[in-house]
Amino acid sequence: MTASTKQLLLCLLILLALQPQLPAQAQNAGSATDSLKVMSYNIRIASPPSKGWGYTDLAATAEVIRKQKPDLVALQEVDAFTDRSGKDINQARKLAELTGMYYHFSKAVDRSNGDYGVGILSRFPIKKSKSFRLNVISTNPENEIRAVALITVKTNLGKMTFVSAHLDHLSDQQRSYQIAQLNKILQKYNRLPIVLGADLNTTPDNAIIQKLGKYLEIPCWQCPLTFPADNPGKTLDYILLSRKAQKKYDKLSYKTVSETYASDHLPLVMVIKKK
């Protein structure tokens, strides 16, 4: 091997080493597959119920997600830089690091000297991201302002809008008000198929859920039971498709994951494919 050839090989190796490295799962984005796996997961700020508030196990939350290998994840009850979960930890960003995905976090309120809201993880590069707040009617501190995280991504099934949302946990009046706000957000982004993962904090038989039907399918009457994780008796968590998404995708499966340690909600997973 000549000296000039050695120099050329050395230059090529240096150039390769300097190339930016994508997250592990993200490197496979756009791979040839005809299905897409979506997860919705209320992570309870990564505080396992059996350990009590104040104990954080983000690694366990990440492992739940890694095992399922989802393409898109809607996260609810997410902390960022709080006293209770770690002043140096943005949970959405850390979960992205631990799972090899991209992320987007949306703040709802100040909590524990930090931020609290919802998030999204994506195997695909995030083209656009937006954050919204769902306000409440009253100033009663027990009713909670919630957040919506929204991204635009180009998946193996095509371009879509993916949304994570969380509704108030106490009052139908507040949830109804927040659904009206959510509908306005969905209207703005309805040009693309929309997939929503959400903790709606109410059951499928509640009449206020019908208001989601303006832009989304009405949730099933016999949905997978998601809460509490150790003995699920009701459905609070959902993955919903917009009408445009319903026309483009078929549901191959829609079920919970049997995982009782990491959160008080079961992870919910849907697999879709092109019609």
C-alpha atoms as a PDB file:
ATOM      1  CA  MET A   1       0.000   0.000   0.000  1.00  0.00           C
ATOM      2  CA  THR A   2       1.469   3.331  -1.054  1.00  0.00           C
ATOM      3  CA  ALA A   3       1.818   6.306   1.261  1.00  0.00           C
ATOM      4  CA  SER A   4      -0.788   8.262  -0.721  1.00  0.00           C
ATOM      5  CA  THR A   5      -3.296   5.395  -0.440  1.00  0.00           C
ATOM      6  CA  LYS A   6      -2.734   5.217   3.321  1.00  0.00           C
ATOM      7  CA  GLN A   7      -3.317   8.979   3.592  1.00  0.00           C
ATOM      8  CA  LEU A   8      -6.553   8.673   1.589  1.00  0.00           C
ATOM      9  CA  LEU A   9      -7.835   5.856   3.820  1.00  0.00           C
ATOM     10  CA  LEU A  10      -6.934   7.849   6.928  1.00  0.00           C
ATOM     11  CA  CYS A  11      -8.875  10.874   5.637  1.00  0.00           C
ATOM     12  CA  LEU A  12     -11.923   8.705   4.904  1.00  0.00           C
ATOM     13  CA  LEU A  13     -11.851   7.221   8.414  1.00  0.00           C
ATOM     14  CA  ILE A  14     -11.641  10.689   9.962  1.00  0.00           C
ATOM     15  CA  LEU A  15     -14.598  11.915   7.871  1.00  0.00           C
ATOM     16  CA  LEU A  16     -16.694   8.916   8.922  1.00  0.00           C
ATOM     17  CA  ALA A  17     -15.857   9.488  12.575  1.00  0.00           C
ATOM     18  CA  LEU A  18     -16.991  13.101  12.321  1.00  0.00           C
ATOM     19  CA  GLN A  19     -20.426  12.227  10.890  1.00  0.00           C
ATOM     20  CA  PRO A  20     -23.287  13.069  13.339  1.00  0.00           C
ATOM     21  CA  GLN A  21     -24.749  10.013  15.017  1.00  0.00           C
ATOM     22  CA  LEU A  22     -28.528   9.598  15.063  1.00  0.00           C
ATOM     23  CA  PRO A  23     -30.356   7.943  17.964  1.00  0.00           C
ATOM     24  CA  ALA A  24     -30.107   4.157  17.704  1.00  0.00           C
ATOM     25  CA  GLN A  25     -33.716   3.461  16.749  1.00  0.00           C
ATOM     26  CA  ALA A  26     -33.879   6.629  14.680  1.00  0.00           C
ATOM     27  CA  GLN A  27     -31.196   5.262  12.372  1.00  0.00           C
ATOM     28  CA  ASN A  28     -33.772   2.744  11.169  1.00  0.00           C
ATOM     29  CA  ALA A  29     -36.395   5.397  10.397  1.00  0.00           C
ATOM     30  CA  GLY A  30     -37.939   4.942   7.012  1.00  0.00           C
ATOM     31  CA  SER A  31     -37.044   1.243   6.843  1.00  0.00           C
ATOM     32  CA  ALA A  32     -39.259  -0.881   4.650  1.00  0.00           C
ATOM     33  CA  THR A  33     -42.239  -2.006   6.698  1.00  0.00           C
ATOM     34  CA  ASP A  34     -45.954  -1.777   6.109  1.00  0.00           C
ATOM     35  CA  SER A  35     -46.979  -1.240   9.734  1.00  0.00           C
ATOM     36  CA  LEU A  36     -46.509   1.369  12.459  1.00  0.00           C
ATOM     37  CA  LYS A  37     -46.634   0.792  16.230  1.00  0.00           C
ATOM     38  CA  VAL A  38     -47.993   3.587  18.420  1.00  0.00           C
ATOM     39  CA  MET A  39     -47.968   3.705  22.222  1.00  0.00           C
ATOM     40  CA  SER A  40     -49.769   5.919  24.737  1.00  0.00           C
ATOM     41  CA  TYR A  41     -48.402   5.806  28.272  1.00  0.00           C
ATOM     42  CA  ASN A  42     -49.157   7.804  31.404  1.00  0.00           C
ATOM     43  CA  ILE A  43     -45.806   7.341  33.159  1.00  0.00           C
ATOM     44  CA  ARG A  44     -46.738   8.822  36.573  1.00  0.00           C
ATOM     45  CA  ILE A  45     -43.551  10.939  36.499  1.00  0.00           C
ATOM     46  CA  ALA A  46     -41.620   7.651  36.519  1.00  0.00           C
ATOM     47  CA  SER A  47     -42.575   7.078  40.153  1.00  0.00           C
ATOM     48  CA  PRO A  48     -43.581   3.408  40.641  1.00  0.00           C
ATOM     49  CA  PRO A  49     -46.736   3.143  42.810  1.00  0.00           C
ATOM     50  CA  SER A  50     -45.185   0.429  44.975  1.00  0.00           C
ATOM     51  CA  LYS A  51     -42.304   2.746  45.885  1.00  0.00           C
ATOM     52  CA  GLY A  52     -44.378   5.820  46.707  1.00  0.00           C
ATOM     53  CA  TRP A  53     -44.023   9.426  45.598  1.00  0.00           C
ATOM     54  CA  GLY A  54     -40.494  10.733  45.761  1.00  0.00           C
ATOM     55  CA  TYR A  55     -38.883   7.616  44.303  1.00  0.00           C
ATOM     56  CA  THR A  56     -38.019   7.851  40.605  1.00  0.00           C
ATOM     57  CA  ASP A  57     -37.180   4.925  38.329  1.00  0.00           C
ATOM     58  CA  LEU A  58     -36.893   6.346  34.836  1.00  0.00           C
ATOM     59  CA  ALA A  59     -34.876   3.336  33.715  1.00  0.00           C
ATOM     60  CA  ALA A  60     -37.912   1.105  34.369  1.00  0.00           C
ATOM     61  CA  THR A  61     -40.119   3.391  32.279  1.00  0.00           C
ATOM     62  CA  ALA A  62     -37.572   3.324  29.464  1.00  0.00           C
ATOM     63  CA  GLU A  63     -37.398  -0.474  29.602  1.00  0.00           C
ATOM     64  CA  VAL A  64     -41.185  -0.738  29.210  1.00  0.00           C
ATOM     65  CA  ILE A  65     -40.934   1.359  26.056  1.00  0.00           C
ATOM     66  CA  ARG A  66     -37.850  -0.403  24.687  1.00  0.00           C
ATOM     67  CA  LYS A  67     -39.453  -3.829  25.010  1.00  0.00           C
ATOM     68  CA  GLN A  68     -42.397  -2.773  22.832  1.00  0.00           C
ATOM     69  CA  LYS A  69     -40.214  -1.089  20.183  1.00  0.00           C
ATOM     70  CA  PRO A  70     -42.827   1.539  19.298  1.00  0.00           C
ATOM     71  CA  ASP A  71     -42.390   4.024  16.471  1.00  0.00           C
ATOM     72  CA  LEU A  72     -44.274   6.822  18.254  1.00  0.00           C
ATOM     73  CA  VAL A  73     -45.059   7.277  21.960  1.00  0.00           C
ATOM     74  CA  ALA A  74     -47.488   9.719  23.590  1.00  0.00           C
ATOM     75  CA  LEU A  75     -46.396  10.352  27.189  1.00  0.00           C
ATOM     76  CA  GLN A  76     -48.495  11.891  29.956  1.00  0.00           C
ATOM     77  CA  GLU A  77     -47.497  13.037  33.469  1.00  0.00           C
ATOM     78  CA  VAL A  78     -43.956  14.016  32.553  1.00  0.00           C
ATOM     79  CA  ASP A  79     -41.614  16.096  34.743  1.00  0.00           C
ATOM     80  CA  ALA A  80     -38.789  18.396  33.701  1.00  0.00           C
ATOM     81  CA  PHE A  81     -36.234  19.826  36.140  1.00  0.00           C
ATOM     82  CA  THR A  82     -38.376  19.339  39.260  1.00  0.00           C
ATOM     83  CA  ASP A  83     -37.295  18.870  42.862  1.00  0.00           C
ATOM     84  CA  ARG A  84     -39.274  15.640  43.123  1.00  0.00           C
ATOM     85  CA  SER A  85     -37.895  13.958  39.987  1.00  0.00           C
ATOM     86  CA  GLY A  86     -34.466  15.546  39.648  1.00  0.00           C
ATOM     87  CA  LYS A  87     -33.468  19.149  38.999  1.00  0.00           C
ATOM     88  CA  ASP A  88     -31.114  18.067  36.227  1.00  0.00           C
ATOM     89  CA  ILE A  89     -33.592  15.739  34.484  1.00  0.00           C
ATOM     90  CA  ASN A  90     -35.965  16.482  31.640  1.00  0.00           C
ATOM     91  CA  GLN A  91     -37.792  13.147  31.673  1.00  0.00           C
ATOM     92  CA  ALA A  92     -38.838  13.285  28.015  1.00  0.00           C
ATOM     93  CA  ARG A  93     -35.307  14.038  26.895  1.00  0.00           C
ATOM     94  CA  LYS A  94     -33.813  11.363  29.145  1.00  0.00           C
ATOM     95  CA  LEU A  95     -36.309   8.770  27.915  1.00  0.00           C
ATOM     96  CA  ALA A  96     -35.339   9.701  24.361  1.00  0.00           C
ATOM     97  CA  GLU A  97     -31.695   9.064  25.239  1.00  0.00           C
ATOM     98  CA  LEU A  98     -32.481   5.745  26.921  1.00  0.00           C
ATOM     99  CA  THR A  99     -34.684   4.492  24.081  1.00  0.00           C
ATOM    100  CA  GLY A 100     -32.758   5.933  21.133  1.00  0.00           C
ATOM    101  CA  MET A 101     -35.581   8.190  19.955  1.00  0.00           C
ATOM    102  CA  TYR A 102     -36.292  11.849  19.274  1.00  0.00           C
ATOM    103  CA  TYR A 103     -38.477  13.810  21.721  1.00  0.00           C
ATOM    104  CA  HIS A 104     -40.735  16.793  22.264  1.00  0.00           C
ATOM    105  CA  PHE A 105     -41.943  18.061  25.676  1.00  0.00           C
ATOM    106  CA  SER A 106     -44.912  20.376  26.299  1.00  0.00           C
ATOM    107  CA  LYS A 107     -45.330  22.137  29.631  1.00  0.00           C
ATOM    108  CA  ALA A 108     -48.726  22.357  31.296  1.00  0.00           C
ATOM    109  CA  VAL A 109     -47.927  23.981  34.654  1.00  0.00           C
ATOM    110  CA  ASP A 110     -45.198  24.784  37.159  1.00  0.00           C
ATOM    111  CA  ARG A 111     -44.775  21.882  39.563  1.00  0.00           C
ATOM    112  CA  SER A 112     -42.253  21.123  42.316  1.00  0.00           C
ATOM    113  CA  ASN A 113     -40.047  24.053  41.282  1.00  0.00           C
ATOM    114  CA  GLY A 114     -39.967  22.804  37.705  1.00  0.00           C
ATOM    115  CA  ASP A 115     -42.193  21.916  34.759  1.00  0.00           C
ATOM    116  CA  TYR A 116     -44.917  19.298  34.367  1.00  0.00           C
ATOM    117  CA  GLY A 117     -46.723  18.257  31.218  1.00  0.00           C
ATOM    118  CA  VAL A 118     -46.798  15.752  28.374  1.00  0.00           C
ATOM    119  CA  GLY A 119     -44.301  14.515  25.851  1.00  0.00           C
ATOM    120  CA  ILE A 120     -43.706  12.576  22.665  1.00  0.00           C
ATOM    121  CA  LEU A 121     -41.027  10.110  21.613  1.00  0.00           C
ATOM    122  CA  SER A 122     -40.477   9.403  17.924  1.00  0.00           C
ATOM    123  CA  ARG A 123     -38.325   6.924  16.034  1.00  0.00           C
ATOM    124  CA  PHE A 124     -38.535   9.323  13.102  1.00  0.00           C
ATOM    125  CA  PRO A 125     -36.937  12.780  12.922  1.00  0.00           C
ATOM    126  CA  ILE A 126     -39.431  15.409  14.082  1.00  0.00           C
ATOM    127  CA  LYS A 127     -40.149  17.827  11.229  1.00  0.00           C
ATOM    128  CA  LYS A 128     -42.237  20.280  13.255  1.00  0.00           C
ATOM    129  CA  SER A 129     -43.335  20.472  16.893  1.00  0.00           C
ATOM    130  CA  LYS A 130     -45.878  22.589  18.757  1.00  0.00           C
ATOM    131  CA  SER A 131     -46.997  22.917  22.368  1.00  0.00           C
ATOM    132  CA  PHE A 132     -50.412  23.960  23.658  1.00  0.00           C
ATOM    133  CA  ARG A 133     -52.149  24.377  26.992  1.00  0.00           C
ATOM    134  CA  LEU A 134     -55.696  23.292  27.757  1.00  0.00           C
ATOM    135  CA  ASN A 135     -57.063  25.841  30.201  1.00  0.00           C
ATOM    136  CA  VAL A 136     -59.752  25.371  32.840  1.00  0.00           C
ATOM    137  CA  ILE A 137     -62.851  27.489  33.404  1.00  0.00           C
ATOM    138  CA  SER A 138     -62.465  28.096  37.117  1.00  0.00           C
ATOM    139  CA  THR A 139     -59.488  29.104  39.203  1.00  0.00           C
ATOM    140  CA  ASN A 140     -60.094  26.217  41.590  1.00  0.00           C
ATOM    141  CA  PRO A 141     -56.564  24.887  42.192  1.00  0.00           C
ATOM    142  CA  GLU A 142     -57.857  21.317  42.190  1.00  0.00           C
ATOM    143  CA  ASN A 143     -58.767  21.615  38.509  1.00  0.00           C
ATOM    144  CA  GLU A 144     -55.646  21.340  36.388  1.00  0.00           C
ATOM    145  CA  ILE A 145     -54.463  23.099  33.264  1.00  0.00           C
ATOM    146  CA  ARG A 146     -53.228  20.364  30.940  1.00  0.00           C
ATOM    147  CA  ALA A 147     -50.914  20.224  27.932  1.00  0.00           C
ATOM    148  CA  VAL A 148     -50.909  19.029  24.336  1.00  0.00           C
ATOM    149  CA  ALA A 149     -47.741  18.043  22.487  1.00  0.00           C
ATOM    150  CA  LEU A 150     -47.962  17.867  18.693  1.00  0.00           C
ATOM    151  CA  ILE A 151     -45.426  16.833  16.078  1.00  0.00           C
ATOM    152  CA  THR A 152     -45.342  16.363  12.330  1.00  0.00           C
ATOM    153  CA  VAL A 153     -43.345  13.342  11.176  1.00  0.00           C
ATOM    154  CA  LYS A 154     -42.680  11.479   7.971  1.00  0.00           C
ATOM    155  CA  THR A 155     -43.191   7.813   8.836  1.00  0.00           C
ATOM    156  CA  ASN A 156     -42.973   4.666   6.758  1.00  0.00           C
ATOM    157  CA  LEU A 157     -46.751   5.034   6.288  1.00  0.00           C
ATOM    158  CA  GLY A 158     -46.383   8.627   5.095  1.00  0.00           C
ATOM    159  CA  LYS A 159     -46.538  12.049   6.672  1.00  0.00           C
ATOM    160  CA  MET A 160     -48.786  12.409   9.726  1.00  0.00           C
ATOM    161  CA  THR A 161     -49.530  14.493  12.806  1.00  0.00           C
ATOM    162  CA  PHE A 162     -48.994  12.757  16.135  1.00  0.00           C
ATOM    163  CA  VAL A 163     -50.452  14.183  19.330  1.00  0.00           C
ATOM    164  CA  SER A 164     -50.160  13.539  23.076  1.00  0.00           C
ATOM    165  CA  ALA A 165     -52.825  15.015  25.364  1.00  0.00           C
ATOM    166  CA  HIS A 166     -54.042  14.866  28.957  1.00  0.00           C
ATOM    167  CA  LEU A 167     -57.372  16.064  30.378  1.00  0.00           C
ATOM    168  CA  ASP A 168     -58.425  17.263  33.836  1.00  0.00           C
ATOM    169  CA  HIS A 169     -58.982  14.429  36.320  1.00  0.00           C
ATOM    170  CA  LEU A 170     -61.826  15.809  38.465  1.00  0.00           C
ATOM    171  CA  SER A 171     -64.564  17.544  36.530  1.00  0.00           C
ATOM    172  CA  ASP A 172     -66.647  16.761  33.446  1.00  0.00           C
ATOM    173  CA  GLN A 173     -67.189  20.488  33.066  1.00  0.00           C
ATOM    174  CA  GLN A 174     -63.447  21.102  32.819  1.00  0.00           C
ATOM    175  CA  ARG A 175     -62.874  18.099  30.547  1.00  0.00           C
ATOM    176  CA  SER A 176     -65.625  19.284  28.211  1.00  0.00           C
ATOM    177  CA  TYR A 177     -64.038  22.733  28.090  1.00  0.00           C
ATOM    178  CA  GLN A 178     -60.631  21.208  27.358  1.00  0.00           C
ATOM    179  CA  ILE A 179     -62.032  18.969  24.602  1.00  0.00           C
ATOM    180  CA  ALA A 180     -63.400  22.082  22.896  1.00  0.00           C
ATOM    181  CA  GLN A 181     -59.886  23.552  22.964  1.00  0.00           C
ATOM    182  CA  LEU A 182     -58.395  20.291  21.728  1.00  0.00           C
ATOM    183  CA  ASN A 183     -60.838  20.261  18.811  1.00  0.00           C
ATOM    184  CA  LYS A 184     -59.619  23.700  17.736  1.00  0.00           C
ATOM    185  CA  ILE A 185     -56.043  22.426  17.728  1.00  0.00           C
ATOM    186  CA  LEU A 186     -56.992  19.341  15.717  1.00  0.00           C
ATOM    187  CA  GLN A 187     -58.909  21.466  13.221  1.00  0.00           C
ATOM    188  CA  LYS A 188     -55.773  23.475  12.494  1.00  0.00           C
ATOM    189  CA  TYR A 189     -53.723  20.335  11.768  1.00  0.00           C
ATOM    190  CA  ASN A 190     -56.427  18.244  10.108  1.00  0.00           C
ATOM    191  CA  ARG A 191     -54.778  18.518   6.664  1.00  0.00           C
ATOM    192  CA  LEU A 192     -52.723  15.431   7.543  1.00  0.00           C
ATOM    193  CA  PRO A 193     -53.853  12.152   9.141  1.00  0.00           C
ATOM    194  CA  ILE A 194     -53.845  12.573  12.929  1.00  0.00           C
ATOM    195  CA  VAL A 195     -53.054   9.925  15.543  1.00  0.00           C
ATOM    196  CA  LEU A 196     -53.776  10.939  19.146  1.00  0.00           C
ATOM    197  CA  GLY A 197     -52.571   9.210  22.296  1.00  0.00           C
ATOM    198  CA  ALA A 198     -54.223  10.541  25.435  1.00  0.00           C
ATOM    199  CA  ASP A 199     -55.194  10.084  29.042  1.00  0.00           C
ATOM    200  CA  LEU A 200     -58.733  11.462  28.838  1.00  0.00           C
ATOM    201  CA  ASN A 201     -59.429  10.770  32.523  1.00  0.00           C
ATOM    202  CA  THR A 202     -62.890   9.491  31.731  1.00  0.00           C
ATOM    203  CA  THR A 203     -64.523   6.280  30.524  1.00  0.00           C
ATOM    204  CA  PRO A 204     -65.956   5.516  27.058  1.00  0.00           C
ATOM    205  CA  ASP A 205     -69.564   5.676  28.282  1.00  0.00           C
ATOM    206  CA  ASN A 206     -69.214   9.322  29.353  1.00  0.00           C
ATOM    207  CA  ALA A 207     -71.268  11.558  27.031  1.00  0.00           C
ATOM    208  CA  ILE A 208     -68.570  14.236  26.863  1.00  0.00           C
ATOM    209  CA  ILE A 209     -66.369  11.867  24.862  1.00  0.00           C
ATOM    210  CA  GLN A 210     -68.844  12.254  21.999  1.00  0.00           C
ATOM    211  CA  LYS A 211     -67.495  15.778  21.551  1.00  0.00           C
ATOM    212  CA  LEU A 212     -64.237  14.296  20.310  1.00  0.00           C
ATOM    213  CA  GLY A 213     -66.152  12.980  17.314  1.00  0.00           C
ATOM    214  CA  LYS A 214     -65.821  16.301  15.532  1.00  0.00           C
ATOM    215  CA  TYR A 215     -62.384  15.317  14.245  1.00  0.00           C
ATOM    216  CA  LEU A 216     -61.620  11.924  15.774  1.00  0.00           C
ATOM    217  CA  GLU A 217     -63.259   8.547  15.877  1.00  0.00           C
ATOM    218  CA  ILE A 218     -65.434   7.978  18.940  1.00  0.00           C
ATOM    219  CA  PRO A 219     -63.624   5.627  21.354  1.00  0.00           C
ATOM    220  CA  CYS A 220     -64.718   2.016  21.448  1.00  0.00           C
ATOM    221  CA  TRP A 221     -67.329   0.982  23.986  1.00  0.00           C
ATOM    222  CA  GLN A 222     -65.332  -2.051  25.049  1.00  0.00           C
ATOM    223  CA  CYS A 223     -61.867  -0.524  25.098  1.00  0.00           C
ATOM    224  CA  PRO A 224     -58.851  -2.119  26.775  1.00  0.00           C
ATOM    225  CA  LEU A 225     -58.911  -1.450  30.526  1.00  0.00           C
ATOM    226  CA  THR A 226     -55.947   0.724  31.497  1.00  0.00           C
ATOM    227  CA  PHE A 227     -56.316   1.781  35.157  1.00  0.00           C
ATOM    228  CA  PRO A 228     -55.198   0.932  37.776  1.00  0.00           C
ATOM    229  CA  ALA A 229     -52.320  -1.090  36.371  1.00  0.00           C
ATOM    230  CA  ASP A 230     -52.303  -3.772  39.078  1.00  0.00           C
ATOM    231  CA  ASN A 231     -56.026  -4.502  38.727  1.00  0.00           C
ATOM    232  CA  PRO A 232     -57.453  -2.570  35.754  1.00  0.00           C
ATOM    233  CA  GLY A 233     -61.146  -1.823  36.069  1.00  0.00           C
ATOM    234  CA  LYS A 234     -61.713   1.082  33.704  1.00  0.00           C
ATOM    235  CA  THR A 235     -60.475   2.743  30.550  1.00  0.00           C
ATOM    236  CA  LEU A 236     -58.868   6.166  30.900  1.00  0.00           C
ATOM    237  CA  ASP A 237     -56.254   5.970  28.145  1.00  0.00           C
ATOM    238  CA  TYR A 238     -56.892   5.929  24.398  1.00  0.00           C
ATOM    239  CA  ILE A 239     -55.286   5.954  20.974  1.00  0.00           C
ATOM    240  CA  LEU A 240     -57.596   7.613  18.455  1.00  0.00           C
ATOM    241  CA  LEU A 241     -57.429   8.216  14.711  1.00  0.00           C
ATOM    242  CA  SER A 242     -58.791  11.193  12.812  1.00  0.00           C
ATOM    243  CA  ARG A 243     -61.267  10.491  10.011  1.00  0.00           C
ATOM    244  CA  LYS A 244     -58.528  11.047   7.460  1.00  0.00           C
ATOM    245  CA  ALA A 245     -56.335   8.561   9.314  1.00  0.00           C
ATOM    246  CA  GLN A 246     -59.196   6.047   9.436  1.00  0.00           C
ATOM    247  CA  LYS A 247     -59.479   6.229   5.653  1.00  0.00           C
ATOM    248  CA  LYS A 248     -55.751   5.628   5.193  1.00  0.00           C
ATOM    249  CA  TYR A 249     -54.955   3.058   7.903  1.00  0.00           C
ATOM    250  CA  ASP A 250     -56.274  -0.241   9.164  1.00  0.00           C
ATOM    251  CA  LYS A 251     -55.860  -1.259  12.816  1.00  0.00           C
ATOM    252  CA  LEU A 252     -54.033  -4.553  13.152  1.00  0.00           C
ATOM    253  CA  SER A 253     -54.144  -4.604  16.955  1.00  0.00           C
ATOM    254  CA  TYR A 254     -55.130  -2.438  19.931  1.00  0.00           C
ATOM    255  CA  LYS A 255     -54.231  -3.682  23.400  1.00  0.00           C
ATOM    256  CA  THR A 256     -52.584  -2.976  26.726  1.00  0.00           C
ATOM    257  CA  VAL A 257     -49.190  -4.211  27.848  1.00  0.00           C
ATOM    258  CA  SER A 258     -49.133  -6.203  31.071  1.00  0.00           C
ATOM    259  CA  GLU A 259     -46.730  -4.042  33.097  1.00  0.00           C
ATOM    260  CA  THR A 260     -47.607  -3.262  36.697  1.00  0.00           C
ATOM    261  CA  TYR A 261     -44.426  -1.847  38.239  1.00  0.00           C
ATOM    262  CA  ALA A 262     -43.442   1.352  36.440  1.00  0.00           C
ATOM    263  CA  SER A 263     -46.771   3.266  36.554  1.00  0.00           C
ATOM    264  CA  ASP A 264     -50.349   3.118  37.797  1.00  0.00           C
ATOM    265  CA  HIS A 265     -51.530   3.136  34.149  1.00  0.00           C
ATOM    266  CA  LEU A 266     -50.999   0.289  31.715  1.00  0.00           C
ATOM    267  CA  PRO A 267     -49.193   1.136  28.481  1.00  0.00           C
ATOM    268  CA  LEU A 268     -51.540   1.076  25.498  1.00  0.00           C
ATOM    269  CA  VAL A 269     -50.333  -0.031  22.056  1.00  0.00           C
ATOM    270  CA  MET A 270     -51.911   0.131  18.593  1.00  0.00           C
ATOM    271  CA  VAL A 271     -50.462  -1.222  15.359  1.00  0.00           C
ATOM    272  CA  ILE A 272     -51.712   0.302  12.113  1.00  0.00           C
ATOM    273  CA  LYS A 273     -50.953  -0.244   8.429  1.00  0.00           C
ATOM    274  CA  LYS A 274     -51.890   1.328   5.111  1.00  0.00           C
ATOM    275  CA  LYS A 275     -55.186   0.183   3.635  1.00  0.00           C
END
